[in-house]
Amino acid sequence: MSSQKKSTVGKKGEYGYFSREKKHRLLITAGLFALPLTVYFVAWWINGSRETVWTVLAVVGCLPGCRSMVSLIMILMRKSMDRDLYEEIRSHAGRLVMSYEMYMTFYEKSGYIDAIAVCGNSVVGYSGDAKADLATLAAEAQKILRKNGYKADVKILRDLRPFLDRLDSMNQHYDSLHEGIKFTPDSKYPELSRDELIKHTILAICL
């Protein structure tokens, strides 16, 4: 059974990830600021002055919250995938290992990918992000996969219809696309298939 059928909606690589993650990171950020700020105001009230060691400790204690705030801002800038688009792509997914709502980040380029399908050594994505440099994102993702031992070819399409047609074709030739590929399960993730490990590697380079 493929990972998208087993996973809970909202996990990384699944539909609803950005919506869930915004709430999750907001709560974490608020919690990280709450404790040091509470210490600061309580110490100020008790001592009648802000010039105490507790103020220093409170400032230092805010650093994790500041890091979390940066992470929150980055995720707030991302839009969730359109529900109708998700349903349309999912209707063509079939047996394929799929990943949704990804924001790929590299040193020089970054961009949003609506969906990616993995089948053997074929990795095909779709992005409606007009600003994304899809050729660069595909090339960088392919480099990462090959460095991790997967001889996969990555293509990211900007037009939906060709992407859906490609999903149908990959399902039609599913067995032949896996034929001859040797696979040794990863000791860290023994439950994952090769296609799922490729998905896992791609998600590691996404926000």
C-alpha atoms as a PDB file:
ATOM      1  CA  MET A   1       0.000   0.000   0.000  1.00  0.00           C
ATOM      2  CA  SER A   2       1.395   3.417  -0.937  1.00  0.00           C
ATOM      3  CA  SER A   3       2.249   5.993   1.702  1.00  0.00           C
ATOM      4  CA  GLN A   4      -0.356   8.554   0.711  1.00  0.00           C
ATOM      5  CA  LYS A   5      -3.109   6.032   1.468  1.00  0.00           C
ATOM      6  CA  LYS A   6      -1.733   5.242   4.911  1.00  0.00           C
ATOM      7  CA  SER A   7      -0.774   8.718   6.076  1.00  0.00           C
ATOM      8  CA  THR A   8      -2.901  11.079   8.096  1.00  0.00           C
ATOM      9  CA  VAL A   9      -3.999  14.204   6.230  1.00  0.00           C
ATOM     10  CA  GLY A  10      -1.830  17.158   7.227  1.00  0.00           C
ATOM     11  CA  LYS A  11       1.481  15.353   7.579  1.00  0.00           C
ATOM     12  CA  LYS A  12       4.430  16.597   5.543  1.00  0.00           C
ATOM     13  CA  GLY A  13       3.915  15.600   1.940  1.00  0.00           C
ATOM     14  CA  GLU A  14       0.148  15.210   2.357  1.00  0.00           C
ATOM     15  CA  TYR A  15      -2.753  17.477   1.472  1.00  0.00           C
ATOM     16  CA  GLY A  16      -3.464  19.992   4.230  1.00  0.00           C
ATOM     17  CA  TYR A  17       0.146  20.114   5.447  1.00  0.00           C
ATOM     18  CA  PHE A  18       0.546  23.893   5.268  1.00  0.00           C
ATOM     19  CA  SER A  19      -2.770  24.576   7.020  1.00  0.00           C
ATOM     20  CA  ARG A  20      -1.915  22.207   9.864  1.00  0.00           C
ATOM     21  CA  GLU A  21       1.682  23.371  10.099  1.00  0.00           C
ATOM     22  CA  LYS A  22       0.699  27.043  10.415  1.00  0.00           C
ATOM     23  CA  LYS A  23      -1.398  26.263  13.494  1.00  0.00           C
ATOM     24  CA  HIS A  24       1.250  23.927  14.893  1.00  0.00           C
ATOM     25  CA  ARG A  25       4.134  26.380  14.537  1.00  0.00           C
ATOM     26  CA  LEU A  26       2.018  29.257  15.871  1.00  0.00           C
ATOM     27  CA  LEU A  27       1.315  27.305  19.068  1.00  0.00           C
ATOM     28  CA  ILE A  28       4.976  26.325  19.458  1.00  0.00           C
ATOM     29  CA  THR A  29       6.151  29.909  18.926  1.00  0.00           C
ATOM     30  CA  ALA A  30       3.621  31.276  21.402  1.00  0.00           C
ATOM     31  CA  GLY A  31       4.674  28.682  23.970  1.00  0.00           C
ATOM     32  CA  LEU A  32       8.372  29.431  23.539  1.00  0.00           C
ATOM     33  CA  PHE A  33       7.775  33.133  24.155  1.00  0.00           C
ATOM     34  CA  ALA A  34       5.283  32.644  26.987  1.00  0.00           C
ATOM     35  CA  LEU A  35       7.715  31.255  29.592  1.00  0.00           C
ATOM     36  CA  PRO A  36      10.539  33.837  29.333  1.00  0.00           C
ATOM     37  CA  LEU A  37       8.052  36.724  29.112  1.00  0.00           C
ATOM     38  CA  THR A  38       6.235  35.419  32.178  1.00  0.00           C
ATOM     39  CA  VAL A  39       9.565  35.255  34.038  1.00  0.00           C
ATOM     40  CA  TYR A  40      10.376  38.807  32.918  1.00  0.00           C
ATOM     41  CA  PHE A  41       7.097  40.388  34.068  1.00  0.00           C
ATOM     42  CA  VAL A  42       6.866  38.411  37.312  1.00  0.00           C
ATOM     43  CA  ALA A  43      10.454  39.341  38.236  1.00  0.00           C
ATOM     44  CA  TRP A  44       9.775  42.985  37.372  1.00  0.00           C
ATOM     45  CA  TRP A  45       6.650  42.974  39.557  1.00  0.00           C
ATOM     46  CA  ILE A  46       8.421  41.302  42.508  1.00  0.00           C
ATOM     47  CA  ASN A  47      11.644  43.335  42.347  1.00  0.00           C
ATOM     48  CA  GLY A  48      10.123  46.609  41.184  1.00  0.00           C
ATOM     49  CA  SER A  49      12.877  46.929  38.586  1.00  0.00           C
ATOM     50  CA  ARG A  50      13.795  45.522  35.187  1.00  0.00           C
ATOM     51  CA  GLU A  51      17.527  45.736  35.946  1.00  0.00           C
ATOM     52  CA  THR A  52      17.923  42.240  37.362  1.00  0.00           C
ATOM     53  CA  VAL A  53      19.521  38.989  36.292  1.00  0.00           C
ATOM     54  CA  TRP A  54      16.042  37.704  35.516  1.00  0.00           C
ATOM     55  CA  THR A  55      15.762  40.184  32.655  1.00  0.00           C
ATOM     56  CA  VAL A  56      18.964  38.798  31.136  1.00  0.00           C
ATOM     57  CA  LEU A  57      17.676  35.249  31.532  1.00  0.00           C
ATOM     58  CA  ALA A  58      14.367  36.211  29.955  1.00  0.00           C
ATOM     59  CA  VAL A  59      16.104  37.780  26.937  1.00  0.00           C
ATOM     60  CA  VAL A  60      18.265  34.691  26.442  1.00  0.00           C
ATOM     61  CA  GLY A  61      15.189  32.542  26.911  1.00  0.00           C
ATOM     62  CA  CYS A  62      13.493  34.308  24.001  1.00  0.00           C
ATOM     63  CA  LEU A  63      16.102  33.081  21.477  1.00  0.00           C
ATOM     64  CA  PRO A  64      14.355  29.747  20.786  1.00  0.00           C
ATOM     65  CA  GLY A  65      11.126  31.679  20.289  1.00  0.00           C
ATOM     66  CA  CYS A  66      12.844  33.983  17.798  1.00  0.00           C
ATOM     67  CA  ARG A  67      14.095  31.000  15.797  1.00  0.00           C
ATOM     68  CA  SER A  68      10.618  29.528  15.863  1.00  0.00           C
ATOM     69  CA  MET A  69       9.187  32.869  14.719  1.00  0.00           C
ATOM     70  CA  VAL A  70      11.382  32.767  11.593  1.00  0.00           C
ATOM     71  CA  SER A  71      10.083  29.264  10.861  1.00  0.00           C
ATOM     72  CA  LEU A  72       6.504  30.470  11.428  1.00  0.00           C
ATOM     73  CA  ILE A  73       6.905  33.409   9.043  1.00  0.00           C
ATOM     74  CA  MET A  74       8.270  31.104   6.334  1.00  0.00           C
ATOM     75  CA  ILE A  75       5.304  28.736   6.611  1.00  0.00           C
ATOM     76  CA  LEU A  76       2.760  31.604   6.779  1.00  0.00           C
ATOM     77  CA  MET A  77       3.980  32.749   3.358  1.00  0.00           C
ATOM     78  CA  ARG A  78       2.940  29.428   1.804  1.00  0.00           C
ATOM     79  CA  LYS A  79      -0.566  28.823   0.447  1.00  0.00           C
ATOM     80  CA  SER A  80      -2.394  25.547   0.855  1.00  0.00           C
ATOM     81  CA  MET A  81      -3.170  23.447  -2.184  1.00  0.00           C
ATOM     82  CA  ASP A  82      -6.550  23.988  -3.819  1.00  0.00           C
ATOM     83  CA  ARG A  83      -8.919  21.200  -2.766  1.00  0.00           C
ATOM     84  CA  ASP A  84     -10.328  20.652  -6.271  1.00  0.00           C
ATOM     85  CA  LEU A  85      -6.821  20.409  -7.719  1.00  0.00           C
ATOM     86  CA  TYR A  86      -5.861  17.862  -5.071  1.00  0.00           C
ATOM     87  CA  GLU A  87      -8.934  15.737  -5.775  1.00  0.00           C
ATOM     88  CA  GLU A  88      -8.298  15.834  -9.521  1.00  0.00           C
ATOM     89  CA  ILE A  89      -4.672  14.737  -9.146  1.00  0.00           C
ATOM     90  CA  ARG A  90      -5.580  12.098  -6.564  1.00  0.00           C
ATOM     91  CA  SER A  91      -8.103  10.592  -8.974  1.00  0.00           C
ATOM     92  CA  HIS A  92      -5.194   9.813 -11.329  1.00  0.00           C
ATOM     93  CA  ALA A  93      -2.723   8.683  -8.639  1.00  0.00           C
ATOM     94  CA  GLY A  94      -3.663   5.017  -8.697  1.00  0.00           C
ATOM     95  CA  ARG A  95      -0.828   2.841  -7.315  1.00  0.00           C
ATOM     96  CA  LEU A  96       1.743   5.623  -7.398  1.00  0.00           C
ATOM     97  CA  VAL A  97       3.517   6.996  -4.339  1.00  0.00           C
ATOM     98  CA  MET A  98       2.448  10.637  -4.204  1.00  0.00           C
ATOM     99  CA  SER A  99       3.542  13.720  -2.309  1.00  0.00           C
ATOM    100  CA  TYR A 100       1.631  17.002  -2.094  1.00  0.00           C
ATOM    101  CA  GLU A 101       2.136  20.607  -0.944  1.00  0.00           C
ATOM    102  CA  MET A 102       5.916  20.903  -1.097  1.00  0.00           C
ATOM    103  CA  TYR A 103       8.085  24.003  -1.004  1.00  0.00           C
ATOM    104  CA  MET A 104      11.536  22.978  -2.238  1.00  0.00           C
ATOM    105  CA  THR A 105      14.423  25.006  -0.875  1.00  0.00           C
ATOM    106  CA  PHE A 106      17.957  25.143  -2.252  1.00  0.00           C
ATOM    107  CA  TYR A 107      20.753  27.669  -1.790  1.00  0.00           C
ATOM    108  CA  GLU A 108      20.037  29.509  -5.038  1.00  0.00           C
ATOM    109  CA  LYS A 109      16.424  28.665  -5.860  1.00  0.00           C
ATOM    110  CA  SER A 110      13.203  27.736  -4.132  1.00  0.00           C
ATOM    111  CA  GLY A 111       9.693  27.090  -5.316  1.00  0.00           C
ATOM    112  CA  TYR A 112       6.312  25.518  -4.654  1.00  0.00           C
ATOM    113  CA  ILE A 113       5.395  22.095  -6.028  1.00  0.00           C
ATOM    114  CA  ASP A 114       1.757  21.011  -5.911  1.00  0.00           C
ATOM    115  CA  ALA A 115       2.390  17.301  -6.365  1.00  0.00           C
ATOM    116  CA  ILE A 116       5.049  14.728  -7.175  1.00  0.00           C
ATOM    117  CA  ALA A 117       4.634  11.108  -8.275  1.00  0.00           C
ATOM    118  CA  VAL A 118       7.304   8.433  -7.809  1.00  0.00           C
ATOM    119  CA  CYS A 119       7.432   5.229  -9.825  1.00  0.00           C
ATOM    120  CA  GLY A 120      10.714   3.319 -10.112  1.00  0.00           C
ATOM    121  CA  ASN A 121      13.288   5.733 -11.517  1.00  0.00           C
ATOM    122  CA  SER A 122      10.655   8.170 -12.739  1.00  0.00           C
ATOM    123  CA  VAL A 123       9.850  11.191 -10.580  1.00  0.00           C
ATOM    124  CA  VAL A 124       7.346  13.591 -12.120  1.00  0.00           C
ATOM    125  CA  GLY A 125       5.968  16.724 -10.505  1.00  0.00           C
ATOM    126  CA  TYR A 126       3.479  19.476 -11.207  1.00  0.00           C
ATOM    127  CA  SER A 127       3.673  23.100 -10.127  1.00  0.00           C
ATOM    128  CA  GLY A 128       1.248  25.937 -10.745  1.00  0.00           C
ATOM    129  CA  ASP A 129       3.792  28.420  -9.343  1.00  0.00           C
ATOM    130  CA  ALA A 130       4.474  30.765 -12.262  1.00  0.00           C
ATOM    131  CA  LYS A 131       7.550  32.190 -10.517  1.00  0.00           C
ATOM    132  CA  ALA A 132       9.261  28.865  -9.850  1.00  0.00           C
ATOM    133  CA  ASP A 133      12.279  27.875 -11.941  1.00  0.00           C
ATOM    134  CA  LEU A 134      11.086  24.333 -12.495  1.00  0.00           C
ATOM    135  CA  ALA A 135      14.094  23.209 -14.536  1.00  0.00           C
ATOM    136  CA  THR A 136      16.468  24.219 -11.733  1.00  0.00           C
ATOM    137  CA  LEU A 137      14.304  22.669  -9.019  1.00  0.00           C
ATOM    138  CA  ALA A 138      14.105  19.397 -10.951  1.00  0.00           C
ATOM    139  CA  ALA A 139      17.857  19.362 -11.602  1.00  0.00           C
ATOM    140  CA  GLU A 140      18.708  20.048  -7.950  1.00  0.00           C
ATOM    141  CA  ALA A 141      16.250  17.445  -6.689  1.00  0.00           C
ATOM    142  CA  GLN A 142      17.715  14.907  -9.114  1.00  0.00           C
ATOM    143  CA  LYS A 143      21.226  15.641  -7.834  1.00  0.00           C
ATOM    144  CA  ILE A 144      20.103  15.024  -4.252  1.00  0.00           C
ATOM    145  CA  LEU A 145      18.424  11.744  -5.165  1.00  0.00           C
ATOM    146  CA  ARG A 146      21.445  10.479  -7.059  1.00  0.00           C
ATOM    147  CA  LYS A 147      23.770  11.420  -4.216  1.00  0.00           C
ATOM    148  CA  ASN A 148      21.576   9.218  -2.043  1.00  0.00           C
ATOM    149  CA  GLY A 149      21.921   6.295  -4.455  1.00  0.00           C
ATOM    150  CA  TYR A 150      18.690   6.624  -6.463  1.00  0.00           C
ATOM    151  CA  LYS A 151      19.229   6.765 -10.244  1.00  0.00           C
ATOM    152  CA  ALA A 152      16.027   8.674 -10.741  1.00  0.00           C
ATOM    153  CA  ASP A 153      15.120  11.176 -13.433  1.00  0.00           C
ATOM    154  CA  VAL A 154      13.163  14.174 -12.161  1.00  0.00           C
ATOM    155  CA  LYS A 155      10.844  16.309 -14.268  1.00  0.00           C
ATOM    156  CA  ILE A 156       8.494  19.028 -13.032  1.00  0.00           C
ATOM    157  CA  LEU A 157       5.722  20.143 -15.374  1.00  0.00           C
ATOM    158  CA  ARG A 158       3.909  23.469 -15.386  1.00  0.00           C
ATOM    159  CA  ASP A 159       0.826  22.260 -17.260  1.00  0.00           C
ATOM    160  CA  LEU A 160      -1.673  20.071 -15.428  1.00  0.00           C
ATOM    161  CA  ARG A 161      -3.035  17.991 -18.329  1.00  0.00           C
ATOM    162  CA  PRO A 162       0.359  16.551 -19.363  1.00  0.00           C
ATOM    163  CA  PHE A 163       1.041  15.766 -15.693  1.00  0.00           C
ATOM    164  CA  LEU A 164      -2.238  13.862 -15.324  1.00  0.00           C
ATOM    165  CA  ASP A 165      -1.545  12.016 -18.563  1.00  0.00           C
ATOM    166  CA  ARG A 166       1.890  11.096 -17.213  1.00  0.00           C
ATOM    167  CA  LEU A 167       0.315   9.720 -14.028  1.00  0.00           C
ATOM    168  CA  ASP A 168      -2.004   7.544 -16.118  1.00  0.00           C
ATOM    169  CA  SER A 169       0.942   6.305 -18.193  1.00  0.00           C
ATOM    170  CA  MET A 170       3.035   5.524 -15.098  1.00  0.00           C
ATOM    171  CA  ASN A 171       0.165   3.503 -13.668  1.00  0.00           C
ATOM    172  CA  GLN A 172      -0.290   1.684 -16.953  1.00  0.00           C
ATOM    173  CA  HIS A 173       3.415   0.745 -17.064  1.00  0.00           C
ATOM    174  CA  TYR A 174       3.856   0.404 -13.298  1.00  0.00           C
ATOM    175  CA  ASP A 175       5.423  -3.055 -13.328  1.00  0.00           C
ATOM    176  CA  SER A 176       7.786  -2.371 -16.234  1.00  0.00           C
ATOM    177  CA  LEU A 177       8.984   0.873 -14.589  1.00  0.00           C
ATOM    178  CA  HIS A 178      10.070  -1.157 -11.555  1.00  0.00           C
ATOM    179  CA  GLU A 179      11.501  -4.048 -13.534  1.00  0.00           C
ATOM    180  CA  GLY A 180      15.215  -4.712 -13.017  1.00  0.00           C
ATOM    181  CA  ILE A 181      15.604  -2.230 -10.147  1.00  0.00           C
ATOM    182  CA  LYS A 182      17.510  -3.753  -7.245  1.00  0.00           C
ATOM    183  CA  PHE A 183      16.442  -2.577  -3.821  1.00  0.00           C
ATOM    184  CA  THR A 184      17.811  -3.175  -0.348  1.00  0.00           C
ATOM    185  CA  PRO A 185      15.554  -1.854   2.448  1.00  0.00           C
ATOM    186  CA  ASP A 186      17.004   0.975   4.529  1.00  0.00           C
ATOM    187  CA  SER A 187      17.784  -0.186   8.079  1.00  0.00           C
ATOM    188  CA  LYS A 188      16.532   3.166   9.405  1.00  0.00           C
ATOM    189  CA  TYR A 189      13.204   2.852   7.600  1.00  0.00           C
ATOM    190  CA  PRO A 190      12.692  -0.884   7.005  1.00  0.00           C
ATOM    191  CA  GLU A 191       8.956  -0.430   6.435  1.00  0.00           C
ATOM    192  CA  LEU A 192       9.410   1.919   3.450  1.00  0.00           C
ATOM    193  CA  SER A 193       9.535   0.777  -0.165  1.00  0.00           C
ATOM    194  CA  ARG A 194      12.093   2.217  -2.576  1.00  0.00           C
ATOM    195  CA  ASP A 195       9.508   4.641  -4.009  1.00  0.00           C
ATOM    196  CA  GLU A 196       8.600   5.753  -0.493  1.00  0.00           C
ATOM    197  CA  LEU A 197      12.271   6.301   0.352  1.00  0.00           C
ATOM    198  CA  ILE A 198      12.623   8.511  -2.719  1.00  0.00           C
ATOM    199  CA  LYS A 199       9.607  10.493  -1.510  1.00  0.00           C
ATOM    200  CA  HIS A 200      11.170  10.692   1.960  1.00  0.00           C
ATOM    201  CA  THR A 201      14.410  12.070   0.457  1.00  0.00           C
ATOM    202  CA  ILE A 202      12.521  14.700  -1.522  1.00  0.00           C
ATOM    203  CA  LEU A 203      10.583  15.810   1.547  1.00  0.00           C
ATOM    204  CA  ALA A 204      13.884  16.306   3.381  1.00  0.00           C
ATOM    205  CA  ILE A 205      14.692  19.205   1.015  1.00  0.00           C
ATOM    206  CA  CYS A 206      11.249  20.782   1.451  1.00  0.00           C
ATOM    207  CA  LEU A 207      10.035  23.309   4.012  1.00  0.00           C
END
